[in-house]
Amino acid sequence: MNPKLSKVSANCKKTPSSSCKTGDNIPYSDMDNVNIFINCNGESTGILVPISCTYVELVDLINSVLKLDKRSSALSIQYAVIGCLSSMKITNDNTLRFYLELKRKDQNLSSYPLQNDVTRSLESNNSCYLHRFVSSVCETIPDLPEVEIEEDNIIIAHPDFSAISEGRIFRDKNVLKKTISLFAIHHNFQYKVYRSDKEEYVLKCLDDNCMWHFRASRLSDTDLFKIRYIKNGHSCSMDYVMGDHRQATSSLLADCIKHKYMDAKTIYTPRDIINDASKTYGVTLSYGKAWRARESALEKIVGEPED
């Protein structure tokens, strides 16, 4: 195909009665639509956007093209401009008009492609966010050797939310506590400590009307802890799992974020931690908890031996 013919066909939007000759240089001011490339999740496509398009109409159009459910997702629209250190965001009719003017004045079809970030809502995807939070914590905790204690039973040496079941044995109480915390986050419930000492660790659901409870105790004179009993099944309200999850402690958060401080030049503030926990994991944090998580992460890095 003649490249010049292809370019004109892509840029020329006329009514059937209008004339458009091959090779004509037709400015955007003569057009009713603007050609825009959109990128999302590694995929690209193109759309025609009317010059008179509003921000709400653009969001609806992109949601339709990308097949997104606007009831359960939030769309962030942005684009890059040469010379700007950060992306330009389209958030209302005025910023959209500015963007369309850029496109009208630029004959390059591929210039200023829209980058679309999709954030799922907490209400419809809370379980997914919490699962990602738990998984990220597990991945950042170093693996420790597993020691065989019996033919069909091994000692759980590092936190793993899938290891919670009756009869499982943990290296010490600290590993058990982190594991049950991850288990609670993964399964969308919160608990309170009913009894905790050197010999026993007993938990109950945060909702007094819920029958869930958990009991583990120490094995003989060792540091090992064994799960003795779990009453599974929850009847608690979602009010007990939304918002600030009490099991998402600053210590757990520190394990999750400490890799961000491996480079001394990295600037990662408590406010960044709060935003990331909310957007990525669906967990609401106070500033104090985020600050303590940051301090704990830095302490963990300093205290870790070099390879």
C-alpha atoms as a PDB file:
ATOM      1  CA  MET A   1       0.000   0.000   0.000  1.00  0.00           C
ATOM      2  CA  ASN A   2       1.210   3.495  -0.804  1.00  0.00           C
ATOM      3  CA  PRO A   3       2.400   4.972   2.557  1.00  0.00           C
ATOM      4  CA  LYS A   4       1.178   8.430   1.607  1.00  0.00           C
ATOM      5  CA  LEU A   5      -2.271   7.105   0.755  1.00  0.00           C
ATOM      6  CA  SER A   6      -2.406   5.235   4.072  1.00  0.00           C
ATOM      7  CA  LYS A   7      -1.489   8.368   6.027  1.00  0.00           C
ATOM      8  CA  VAL A   8      -4.118  10.531   4.374  1.00  0.00           C
ATOM      9  CA  SER A   9      -6.818   7.951   4.867  1.00  0.00           C
ATOM     10  CA  ALA A  10      -6.008   7.769   8.560  1.00  0.00           C
ATOM     11  CA  ASN A  11      -5.966  11.548   9.070  1.00  0.00           C
ATOM     12  CA  CYS A  12      -8.836  12.616   6.837  1.00  0.00           C
ATOM     13  CA  LYS A  13     -12.311  12.467   8.374  1.00  0.00           C
ATOM     14  CA  LYS A  14     -14.787  13.953   5.875  1.00  0.00           C
ATOM     15  CA  THR A  15     -18.441  13.608   5.068  1.00  0.00           C
ATOM     16  CA  PRO A  16     -19.293  11.580   1.902  1.00  0.00           C
ATOM     17  CA  SER A  17     -19.805  14.769  -0.085  1.00  0.00           C
ATOM     18  CA  SER A  18     -16.413  16.214   0.886  1.00  0.00           C
ATOM     19  CA  SER A  19     -13.367  15.754  -1.300  1.00  0.00           C
ATOM     20  CA  CYS A  20     -10.148  14.264  -0.003  1.00  0.00           C
ATOM     21  CA  LYS A  21      -7.412  13.849  -2.563  1.00  0.00           C
ATOM     22  CA  THR A  22      -4.503  11.506  -2.109  1.00  0.00           C
ATOM     23  CA  GLY A  23      -1.460  13.472  -0.925  1.00  0.00           C
ATOM     24  CA  ASP A  24      -3.456  16.399   0.532  1.00  0.00           C
ATOM     25  CA  ASN A  25      -2.018  17.803   3.748  1.00  0.00           C
ATOM     26  CA  ILE A  26      -5.172  18.195   5.789  1.00  0.00           C
ATOM     27  CA  PRO A  27      -4.773  19.869   9.224  1.00  0.00           C
ATOM     28  CA  TYR A  28      -6.634  18.640  12.299  1.00  0.00           C
ATOM     29  CA  SER A  29      -8.673  21.853  12.346  1.00  0.00           C
ATOM     30  CA  ASP A  30     -10.650  20.495   9.360  1.00  0.00           C
ATOM     31  CA  MET A  31     -11.543  17.306  11.185  1.00  0.00           C
ATOM     32  CA  ASP A  32     -14.408  16.291  13.430  1.00  0.00           C
ATOM     33  CA  ASN A  33     -12.402  13.558  15.169  1.00  0.00           C
ATOM     34  CA  VAL A  34      -8.904  13.088  16.574  1.00  0.00           C
ATOM     35  CA  ASN A  35      -7.011   9.810  16.160  1.00  0.00           C
ATOM     36  CA  ILE A  36      -5.707   8.610  19.530  1.00  0.00           C
ATOM     37  CA  PHE A  37      -3.702   5.547  20.489  1.00  0.00           C
ATOM     38  CA  ILE A  38      -4.459   4.031  23.907  1.00  0.00           C
ATOM     39  CA  ASN A  39      -2.304   1.625  25.910  1.00  0.00           C
ATOM     40  CA  CYS A  40      -3.483  -0.487  28.833  1.00  0.00           C
ATOM     41  CA  ASN A  41      -1.951  -3.548  30.515  1.00  0.00           C
ATOM     42  CA  GLY A  42       0.541  -4.057  27.695  1.00  0.00           C
ATOM     43  CA  GLU A  43      -2.071  -3.888  24.924  1.00  0.00           C
ATOM     44  CA  SER A  44      -2.633  -1.075  22.425  1.00  0.00           C
ATOM     45  CA  THR A  45      -5.488   0.022  20.210  1.00  0.00           C
ATOM     46  CA  GLY A  46      -6.749   3.161  18.503  1.00  0.00           C
ATOM     47  CA  ILE A  47      -9.904   5.223  18.860  1.00  0.00           C
ATOM     48  CA  LEU A  48     -11.520   8.233  17.204  1.00  0.00           C
ATOM     49  CA  VAL A  49     -12.374  10.946  19.715  1.00  0.00           C
ATOM     50  CA  PRO A  50     -14.700  13.821  18.727  1.00  0.00           C
ATOM     51  CA  ILE A  51     -13.260  17.302  19.140  1.00  0.00           C
ATOM     52  CA  SER A  52     -16.251  18.178  21.331  1.00  0.00           C
ATOM     53  CA  CYS A  53     -15.757  15.145  23.583  1.00  0.00           C
ATOM     54  CA  THR A  54     -16.096  15.713  27.330  1.00  0.00           C
ATOM     55  CA  TYR A  55     -14.025  14.008  30.010  1.00  0.00           C
ATOM     56  CA  VAL A  56     -16.940  11.809  31.098  1.00  0.00           C
ATOM     57  CA  GLU A  57     -17.565  10.791  27.491  1.00  0.00           C
ATOM     58  CA  LEU A  58     -13.868   9.930  27.023  1.00  0.00           C
ATOM     59  CA  VAL A  59     -13.881   7.722  30.132  1.00  0.00           C
ATOM     60  CA  ASP A  60     -17.033   5.954  28.914  1.00  0.00           C
ATOM     61  CA  LEU A  61     -15.473   5.467  25.468  1.00  0.00           C
ATOM     62  CA  ILE A  62     -12.242   3.988  26.859  1.00  0.00           C
ATOM     63  CA  ASN A  63     -14.163   1.760  29.281  1.00  0.00           C
ATOM     64  CA  SER A  64     -16.214   0.490  26.357  1.00  0.00           C
ATOM     65  CA  VAL A  65     -13.191  -0.179  24.131  1.00  0.00           C
ATOM     66  CA  LEU A  66     -11.209  -1.867  26.924  1.00  0.00           C
ATOM     67  CA  LYS A  67     -14.318  -3.706  28.167  1.00  0.00           C
ATOM     68  CA  LEU A  68     -13.963  -2.380  31.715  1.00  0.00           C
ATOM     69  CA  ASP A  69     -16.746  -2.316  34.299  1.00  0.00           C
ATOM     70  CA  LYS A  70     -16.796   1.267  35.533  1.00  0.00           C
ATOM     71  CA  ARG A  71     -18.744   0.188  38.627  1.00  0.00           C
ATOM     72  CA  SER A  72     -15.798  -1.824  39.920  1.00  0.00           C
ATOM     73  CA  SER A  73     -12.771  -0.039  38.461  1.00  0.00           C
ATOM     74  CA  ALA A  74     -11.242   3.432  38.400  1.00  0.00           C
ATOM     75  CA  LEU A  75      -9.507   4.675  35.259  1.00  0.00           C
ATOM     76  CA  SER A  76      -6.433   6.925  35.388  1.00  0.00           C
ATOM     77  CA  ILE A  77      -5.690   8.589  32.018  1.00  0.00           C
ATOM     78  CA  GLN A  78      -2.276  10.114  31.349  1.00  0.00           C
ATOM     79  CA  TYR A  79       0.243  10.781  28.593  1.00  0.00           C
ATOM     80  CA  ALA A  80       3.911  11.695  28.252  1.00  0.00           C
ATOM     81  CA  VAL A  81       5.255  14.973  26.881  1.00  0.00           C
ATOM     82  CA  ILE A  82       8.903  15.382  25.899  1.00  0.00           C
ATOM     83  CA  GLY A  83      10.633  17.621  28.432  1.00  0.00           C
ATOM     84  CA  CYS A  84       8.272  16.811  31.311  1.00  0.00           C
ATOM     85  CA  LEU A  85       9.649  14.657  34.121  1.00  0.00           C
ATOM     86  CA  SER A  86       6.252  13.234  35.045  1.00  0.00           C
ATOM     87  CA  SER A  87       3.227  12.155  33.026  1.00  0.00           C
ATOM     88  CA  MET A  88       0.449  14.617  32.239  1.00  0.00           C
ATOM     89  CA  LYS A  89      -2.905  13.519  33.664  1.00  0.00           C
ATOM     90  CA  ILE A  90      -6.334  14.046  32.129  1.00  0.00           C
ATOM     91  CA  THR A  91      -8.779  14.579  34.992  1.00  0.00           C
ATOM     92  CA  ASN A  92     -11.492  16.922  33.704  1.00  0.00           C
ATOM     93  CA  ASP A  93     -12.840  18.735  30.643  1.00  0.00           C
ATOM     94  CA  ASN A  94     -10.152  21.436  30.785  1.00  0.00           C
ATOM     95  CA  THR A  95      -7.200  19.021  30.836  1.00  0.00           C
ATOM     96  CA  LEU A  96      -8.859  16.986  28.080  1.00  0.00           C
ATOM     97  CA  ARG A  97      -9.257  20.111  25.917  1.00  0.00           C
ATOM     98  CA  PHE A  98      -5.541  20.880  26.390  1.00  0.00           C
ATOM     99  CA  TYR A  99      -4.671  17.344  25.273  1.00  0.00           C
ATOM    100  CA  LEU A 100      -6.918  17.501  22.200  1.00  0.00           C
ATOM    101  CA  GLU A 101      -5.286  20.788  21.190  1.00  0.00           C
ATOM    102  CA  LEU A 102      -1.878  19.088  21.325  1.00  0.00           C
ATOM    103  CA  LYS A 103      -3.175  16.345  19.070  1.00  0.00           C
ATOM    104  CA  ARG A 104      -4.725  18.830  16.638  1.00  0.00           C
ATOM    105  CA  LYS A 105      -1.388  20.588  16.180  1.00  0.00           C
ATOM    106  CA  ASP A 106       0.675  17.410  15.744  1.00  0.00           C
ATOM    107  CA  GLN A 107       0.443  15.483  12.461  1.00  0.00           C
ATOM    108  CA  ASN A 108       2.150  12.412  13.926  1.00  0.00           C
ATOM    109  CA  LEU A 109      -0.561   9.828  14.543  1.00  0.00           C
ATOM    110  CA  SER A 110       1.437   7.980  17.202  1.00  0.00           C
ATOM    111  CA  SER A 111       2.282  11.047  19.299  1.00  0.00           C
ATOM    112  CA  TYR A 112       0.965  11.431  22.850  1.00  0.00           C
ATOM    113  CA  PRO A 113      -0.563   7.954  23.274  1.00  0.00           C
ATOM    114  CA  LEU A 114      -2.840   7.630  26.291  1.00  0.00           C
ATOM    115  CA  GLN A 115      -1.578   5.428  29.102  1.00  0.00           C
ATOM    116  CA  ASN A 116      -4.474   3.975  31.095  1.00  0.00           C
ATOM    117  CA  ASP A 117      -4.020   2.546  34.574  1.00  0.00           C
ATOM    118  CA  VAL A 118      -6.939   0.558  35.956  1.00  0.00           C
ATOM    119  CA  THR A 119      -7.502   0.321  39.708  1.00  0.00           C
ATOM    120  CA  ARG A 120     -10.092  -2.147  40.931  1.00  0.00           C
ATOM    121  CA  SER A 121     -12.392  -0.934  43.696  1.00  0.00           C
ATOM    122  CA  LEU A 122     -11.890  -2.227  47.225  1.00  0.00           C
ATOM    123  CA  GLU A 123     -15.513  -3.311  47.647  1.00  0.00           C
ATOM    124  CA  SER A 124     -15.530  -5.720  44.714  1.00  0.00           C
ATOM    125  CA  ASN A 125     -11.891  -6.809  44.834  1.00  0.00           C
ATOM    126  CA  ASN A 126     -10.968  -6.731  48.526  1.00  0.00           C
ATOM    127  CA  SER A 127     -10.093 -10.423  48.548  1.00  0.00           C
ATOM    128  CA  CYS A 128      -7.828 -10.025  45.507  1.00  0.00           C
ATOM    129  CA  TYR A 129      -5.962  -7.057  47.013  1.00  0.00           C
ATOM    130  CA  LEU A 130      -5.430  -8.808  50.347  1.00  0.00           C
ATOM    131  CA  HIS A 131      -4.217 -11.942  48.604  1.00  0.00           C
ATOM    132  CA  ARG A 132      -1.650  -9.855  46.698  1.00  0.00           C
ATOM    133  CA  PHE A 133      -0.588  -8.232  49.985  1.00  0.00           C
ATOM    134  CA  VAL A 134      -0.092 -11.613  51.659  1.00  0.00           C
ATOM    135  CA  SER A 135       1.769 -13.017  48.655  1.00  0.00           C
ATOM    136  CA  SER A 136       4.104 -10.019  48.462  1.00  0.00           C
ATOM    137  CA  VAL A 137       4.969 -10.368  52.159  1.00  0.00           C
ATOM    138  CA  CYS A 138       5.679 -14.079  51.779  1.00  0.00           C
ATOM    139  CA  GLU A 139       7.902 -13.453  48.762  1.00  0.00           C
ATOM    140  CA  THR A 140      10.035 -10.862  50.567  1.00  0.00           C
ATOM    141  CA  ILE A 141      10.663 -12.981  53.682  1.00  0.00           C
ATOM    142  CA  PRO A 142      13.858 -15.029  53.224  1.00  0.00           C
ATOM    143  CA  ASP A 143      13.439 -18.786  53.017  1.00  0.00           C
ATOM    144  CA  LEU A 144      14.781 -20.717  55.973  1.00  0.00           C
ATOM    145  CA  PRO A 145      15.578 -24.425  56.000  1.00  0.00           C
ATOM    146  CA  GLU A 146      12.739 -26.792  56.905  1.00  0.00           C
ATOM    147  CA  VAL A 147      13.692 -29.407  59.490  1.00  0.00           C
ATOM    148  CA  GLU A 148      11.935 -32.756  59.384  1.00  0.00           C
ATOM    149  CA  ILE A 149      10.478 -33.758  62.750  1.00  0.00           C
ATOM    150  CA  GLU A 150       8.385 -36.796  61.820  1.00  0.00           C
ATOM    151  CA  GLU A 151       7.796 -38.797  58.688  1.00  0.00           C
ATOM    152  CA  ASP A 152       4.617 -36.903  57.753  1.00  0.00           C
ATOM    153  CA  ASN A 153       5.233 -33.639  59.607  1.00  0.00           C
ATOM    154  CA  ILE A 154       7.769 -30.866  59.070  1.00  0.00           C
ATOM    155  CA  ILE A 155       8.564 -27.755  61.025  1.00  0.00           C
ATOM    156  CA  ILE A 156       7.268 -24.549  59.429  1.00  0.00           C
ATOM    157  CA  ALA A 157      10.337 -22.309  59.540  1.00  0.00           C
ATOM    158  CA  HIS A 158       9.004 -19.193  57.778  1.00  0.00           C
ATOM    159  CA  PRO A 159       5.554 -17.524  57.533  1.00  0.00           C
ATOM    160  CA  ASP A 160       3.214 -19.166  55.022  1.00  0.00           C
ATOM    161  CA  PHE A 161      -0.535 -18.518  55.277  1.00  0.00           C
ATOM    162  CA  SER A 162      -1.320 -21.866  53.614  1.00  0.00           C
ATOM    163  CA  ALA A 163       0.323 -23.704  56.535  1.00  0.00           C
ATOM    164  CA  ILE A 164      -2.534 -23.073  58.965  1.00  0.00           C
ATOM    165  CA  SER A 165      -4.214 -26.366  59.881  1.00  0.00           C
ATOM    166  CA  GLU A 166      -4.541 -28.532  62.957  1.00  0.00           C
ATOM    167  CA  GLY A 167      -1.405 -30.454  63.839  1.00  0.00           C
ATOM    168  CA  ARG A 168       1.065 -28.197  62.019  1.00  0.00           C
ATOM    169  CA  ILE A 169       4.253 -27.399  63.926  1.00  0.00           C
ATOM    170  CA  PHE A 170       6.129 -24.070  63.767  1.00  0.00           C
ATOM    171  CA  ARG A 171       9.756 -23.253  64.533  1.00  0.00           C
ATOM    172  CA  ASP A 172       8.749 -20.796  67.247  1.00  0.00           C
ATOM    173  CA  LYS A 173       5.898 -18.615  68.414  1.00  0.00           C
ATOM    174  CA  ASN A 174       7.002 -15.641  66.314  1.00  0.00           C
ATOM    175  CA  VAL A 175       6.728 -17.625  63.063  1.00  0.00           C
ATOM    176  CA  LEU A 176       3.321 -18.894  64.171  1.00  0.00           C
ATOM    177  CA  LYS A 177       2.078 -15.356  64.924  1.00  0.00           C
ATOM    178  CA  LYS A 178       3.177 -13.999  61.534  1.00  0.00           C
ATOM    179  CA  THR A 179       1.638 -16.982  59.766  1.00  0.00           C
ATOM    180  CA  ILE A 180      -1.776 -16.618  61.417  1.00  0.00           C
ATOM    181  CA  SER A 181      -1.697 -12.863  60.695  1.00  0.00           C
ATOM    182  CA  LEU A 182      -1.149 -13.565  56.993  1.00  0.00           C
ATOM    183  CA  PHE A 183      -3.882 -16.202  57.159  1.00  0.00           C
ATOM    184  CA  ALA A 184      -6.361 -13.660  58.590  1.00  0.00           C
ATOM    185  CA  ILE A 185      -5.535 -11.059  55.933  1.00  0.00           C
ATOM    186  CA  HIS A 186      -5.831 -13.649  53.175  1.00  0.00           C
ATOM    187  CA  HIS A 187      -9.209 -14.879  54.441  1.00  0.00           C
ATOM    188  CA  ASN A 188     -10.615 -11.396  55.147  1.00  0.00           C
ATOM    189  CA  PHE A 189     -11.181 -11.506  58.907  1.00  0.00           C
ATOM    190  CA  GLN A 190      -9.637  -9.999  62.018  1.00  0.00           C
ATOM    191  CA  TYR A 191      -8.951 -11.574  65.385  1.00  0.00           C
ATOM    192  CA  LYS A 192      -8.048 -10.603  68.928  1.00  0.00           C
ATOM    193  CA  VAL A 193      -5.644 -12.325  71.317  1.00  0.00           C
ATOM    194  CA  TYR A 194      -7.504 -14.146  74.097  1.00  0.00           C
ATOM    195  CA  ARG A 195      -4.428 -15.656  75.774  1.00  0.00           C
ATOM    196  CA  SER A 196      -0.725 -15.392  74.991  1.00  0.00           C
ATOM    197  CA  ASP A 197       2.180 -16.632  77.098  1.00  0.00           C
ATOM    198  CA  LYS A 198       5.242 -18.864  76.809  1.00  0.00           C
ATOM    199  CA  GLU A 199       3.096 -21.989  76.744  1.00  0.00           C
ATOM    200  CA  GLU A 200      -0.030 -21.068  74.797  1.00  0.00           C
ATOM    201  CA  TYR A 201      -1.426 -18.824  72.054  1.00  0.00           C
ATOM    202  CA  VAL A 202      -5.234 -18.527  71.888  1.00  0.00           C
ATOM    203  CA  LEU A 203      -7.173 -16.286  69.473  1.00  0.00           C
ATOM    204  CA  LYS A 204     -10.821 -15.367  68.948  1.00  0.00           C
ATOM    205  CA  CYS A 205     -12.599 -13.535  66.140  1.00  0.00           C
ATOM    206  CA  LEU A 206     -12.809  -9.770  66.603  1.00  0.00           C
ATOM    207  CA  ASP A 207     -16.597 -10.094  66.360  1.00  0.00           C
ATOM    208  CA  ASP A 208     -17.827 -11.441  69.707  1.00  0.00           C
ATOM    209  CA  ASN A 209     -20.793 -13.053  67.948  1.00  0.00           C
ATOM    210  CA  CYS A 210     -18.541 -15.131  65.680  1.00  0.00           C
ATOM    211  CA  MET A 211     -17.561 -18.625  66.861  1.00  0.00           C
ATOM    212  CA  TRP A 212     -14.139 -18.764  65.162  1.00  0.00           C
ATOM    213  CA  HIS A 213     -11.255 -19.436  67.538  1.00  0.00           C
ATOM    214  CA  PHE A 214      -7.733 -20.807  67.419  1.00  0.00           C
ATOM    215  CA  ARG A 215      -5.410 -22.504  69.915  1.00  0.00           C
ATOM    216  CA  ALA A 216      -1.727 -23.450  69.726  1.00  0.00           C
ATOM    217  CA  SER A 217       0.703 -24.495  72.445  1.00  0.00           C
ATOM    218  CA  ARG A 218       4.396 -25.174  73.008  1.00  0.00           C
ATOM    219  CA  LEU A 219       5.852 -28.646  72.546  1.00  0.00           C
ATOM    220  CA  SER A 220       7.546 -29.862  75.746  1.00  0.00           C
ATOM    221  CA  ASP A 221      10.647 -27.808  76.570  1.00  0.00           C
ATOM    222  CA  THR A 222      11.327 -26.711  72.985  1.00  0.00           C
ATOM    223  CA  ASP A 223      10.563 -23.441  71.184  1.00  0.00           C
ATOM    224  CA  LEU A 224       8.248 -25.311  68.804  1.00  0.00           C
ATOM    225  CA  PHE A 225       4.553 -24.413  68.708  1.00  0.00           C
ATOM    226  CA  LYS A 226       1.825 -26.768  67.478  1.00  0.00           C
ATOM    227  CA  ILE A 227      -1.702 -25.876  66.321  1.00  0.00           C
ATOM    228  CA  ARG A 228      -4.051 -27.835  68.581  1.00  0.00           C
ATOM    229  CA  TYR A 229      -7.466 -26.650  67.434  1.00  0.00           C
ATOM    230  CA  ILE A 230      -9.134 -24.372  64.879  1.00  0.00           C
ATOM    231  CA  LYS A 231     -12.850 -23.616  64.790  1.00  0.00           C
ATOM    232  CA  ASN A 232     -13.309 -22.721  61.124  1.00  0.00           C
ATOM    233  CA  GLY A 233     -16.165 -20.745  59.606  1.00  0.00           C
ATOM    234  CA  HIS A 234     -17.031 -17.101  60.134  1.00  0.00           C
ATOM    235  CA  SER A 235     -20.353 -15.338  60.668  1.00  0.00           C
ATOM    236  CA  CYS A 236     -18.856 -11.898  61.289  1.00  0.00           C
ATOM    237  CA  SER A 237     -19.872  -8.712  59.471  1.00  0.00           C
ATOM    238  CA  MET A 238     -17.788  -7.172  56.671  1.00  0.00           C
ATOM    239  CA  ASP A 239     -17.466  -4.148  58.983  1.00  0.00           C
ATOM    240  CA  TYR A 240     -14.786  -6.138  60.787  1.00  0.00           C
ATOM    241  CA  VAL A 241     -12.575  -6.619  57.719  1.00  0.00           C
ATOM    242  CA  MET A 242     -12.845  -3.314  55.841  1.00  0.00           C
ATOM    243  CA  GLY A 243     -10.485  -0.407  56.485  1.00  0.00           C
ATOM    244  CA  ASP A 244      -7.511  -0.616  58.839  1.00  0.00           C
ATOM    245  CA  HIS A 245      -6.723  -4.322  59.199  1.00  0.00           C
ATOM    246  CA  ARG A 246      -5.298  -4.857  62.693  1.00  0.00           C
ATOM    247  CA  GLN A 247      -3.260  -7.862  61.535  1.00  0.00           C
ATOM    248  CA  ALA A 248      -1.474  -5.688  58.937  1.00  0.00           C
ATOM    249  CA  THR A 249       1.048  -4.639  61.573  1.00  0.00           C
ATOM    250  CA  SER A 250       4.014  -2.352  61.060  1.00  0.00           C
ATOM    251  CA  SER A 251       6.297  -5.387  61.368  1.00  0.00           C
ATOM    252  CA  LEU A 252       4.509  -7.243  58.564  1.00  0.00           C
ATOM    253  CA  LEU A 253       4.473  -4.099  56.444  1.00  0.00           C
ATOM    254  CA  ALA A 254       8.203  -3.700  57.052  1.00  0.00           C
ATOM    255  CA  ASP A 255       8.820  -7.179  55.636  1.00  0.00           C
ATOM    256  CA  CYS A 256       6.780  -6.173  52.588  1.00  0.00           C
ATOM    257  CA  ILE A 257       8.454  -2.840  51.841  1.00  0.00           C
ATOM    258  CA  LYS A 258      12.048  -3.269  53.012  1.00  0.00           C
ATOM    259  CA  HIS A 259      13.257  -4.063  49.487  1.00  0.00           C
ATOM    260  CA  LYS A 260      12.389  -0.468  48.549  1.00  0.00           C
ATOM    261  CA  TYR A 261      15.127   0.808  50.881  1.00  0.00           C
ATOM    262  CA  MET A 262      17.924  -1.395  49.596  1.00  0.00           C
ATOM    263  CA  ASP A 263      19.120   1.586  47.537  1.00  0.00           C
ATOM    264  CA  ALA A 264      20.225   4.373  49.890  1.00  0.00           C
ATOM    265  CA  LYS A 265      19.118   6.984  47.340  1.00  0.00           C
ATOM    266  CA  THR A 266      15.503   5.807  47.382  1.00  0.00           C
ATOM    267  CA  ILE A 267      12.968   8.231  48.839  1.00  0.00           C
ATOM    268  CA  TYR A 268       9.944   6.286  50.089  1.00  0.00           C
ATOM    269  CA  THR A 269       7.944   8.218  52.673  1.00  0.00           C
ATOM    270  CA  PRO A 270       5.196   7.102  55.084  1.00  0.00           C
ATOM    271  CA  ARG A 271       2.703   8.839  52.789  1.00  0.00           C
ATOM    272  CA  ASP A 272       3.970   6.710  49.899  1.00  0.00           C
ATOM    273  CA  ILE A 273       3.470   3.611  52.052  1.00  0.00           C
ATOM    274  CA  ILE A 274      -0.107   4.652  52.857  1.00  0.00           C
ATOM    275  CA  ASN A 275      -0.937   5.283  49.202  1.00  0.00           C
ATOM    276  CA  ASP A 276       0.625   2.033  48.004  1.00  0.00           C
ATOM    277  CA  ALA A 277      -1.087  -0.031  50.702  1.00  0.00           C
ATOM    278  CA  SER A 278      -4.446   1.455  49.739  1.00  0.00           C
ATOM    279  CA  LYS A 279      -4.065   1.295  45.950  1.00  0.00           C
ATOM    280  CA  THR A 280      -2.193  -1.981  45.678  1.00  0.00           C
ATOM    281  CA  TYR A 281      -3.378  -4.017  48.645  1.00  0.00           C
ATOM    282  CA  GLY A 282      -6.708  -2.490  49.688  1.00  0.00           C
ATOM    283  CA  VAL A 283      -5.456  -1.900  53.241  1.00  0.00           C
ATOM    284  CA  THR A 284      -6.016   1.430  55.012  1.00  0.00           C
ATOM    285  CA  LEU A 285      -3.109   2.607  57.170  1.00  0.00           C
ATOM    286  CA  SER A 286      -2.675   5.417  59.667  1.00  0.00           C
ATOM    287  CA  TYR A 287       0.308   7.714  59.269  1.00  0.00           C
ATOM    288  CA  GLY A 288       1.743   6.419  62.533  1.00  0.00           C
ATOM    289  CA  LYS A 289       1.619   2.797  61.402  1.00  0.00           C
ATOM    290  CA  ALA A 290       3.208   3.696  58.055  1.00  0.00           C
ATOM    291  CA  TRP A 291       5.980   5.619  59.825  1.00  0.00           C
ATOM    292  CA  ARG A 292       6.669   2.693  62.166  1.00  0.00           C
ATOM    293  CA  ALA A 293       6.717   0.315  59.189  1.00  0.00           C
ATOM    294  CA  ARG A 294       9.329   2.509  57.500  1.00  0.00           C
ATOM    295  CA  GLU A 295      11.518   2.619  60.624  1.00  0.00           C
ATOM    296  CA  SER A 296      11.164  -1.124  61.119  1.00  0.00           C
ATOM    297  CA  ALA A 297      12.074  -1.822  57.484  1.00  0.00           C
ATOM    298  CA  LEU A 298      15.238   0.281  57.795  1.00  0.00           C
ATOM    299  CA  GLU A 299      16.187  -1.522  61.002  1.00  0.00           C
ATOM    300  CA  LYS A 300      15.664  -4.907  59.358  1.00  0.00           C
ATOM    301  CA  ILE A 301      17.946  -3.928  56.473  1.00  0.00           C
ATOM    302  CA  VAL A 302      20.697  -2.674  58.786  1.00  0.00           C
ATOM    303  CA  GLY A 303      20.446  -5.806  60.896  1.00  0.00           C
ATOM    304  CA  GLU A 304      20.609  -8.260  57.988  1.00  0.00           C
ATOM    305  CA  PRO A 305      24.033  -9.803  57.270  1.00  0.00           C
ATOM    306  CA  GLU A 306      25.661  -9.069  53.926  1.00  0.00           C
ATOM    307  CA  ASP A 307      25.880 -11.844  51.332  1.00  0.00           C
END
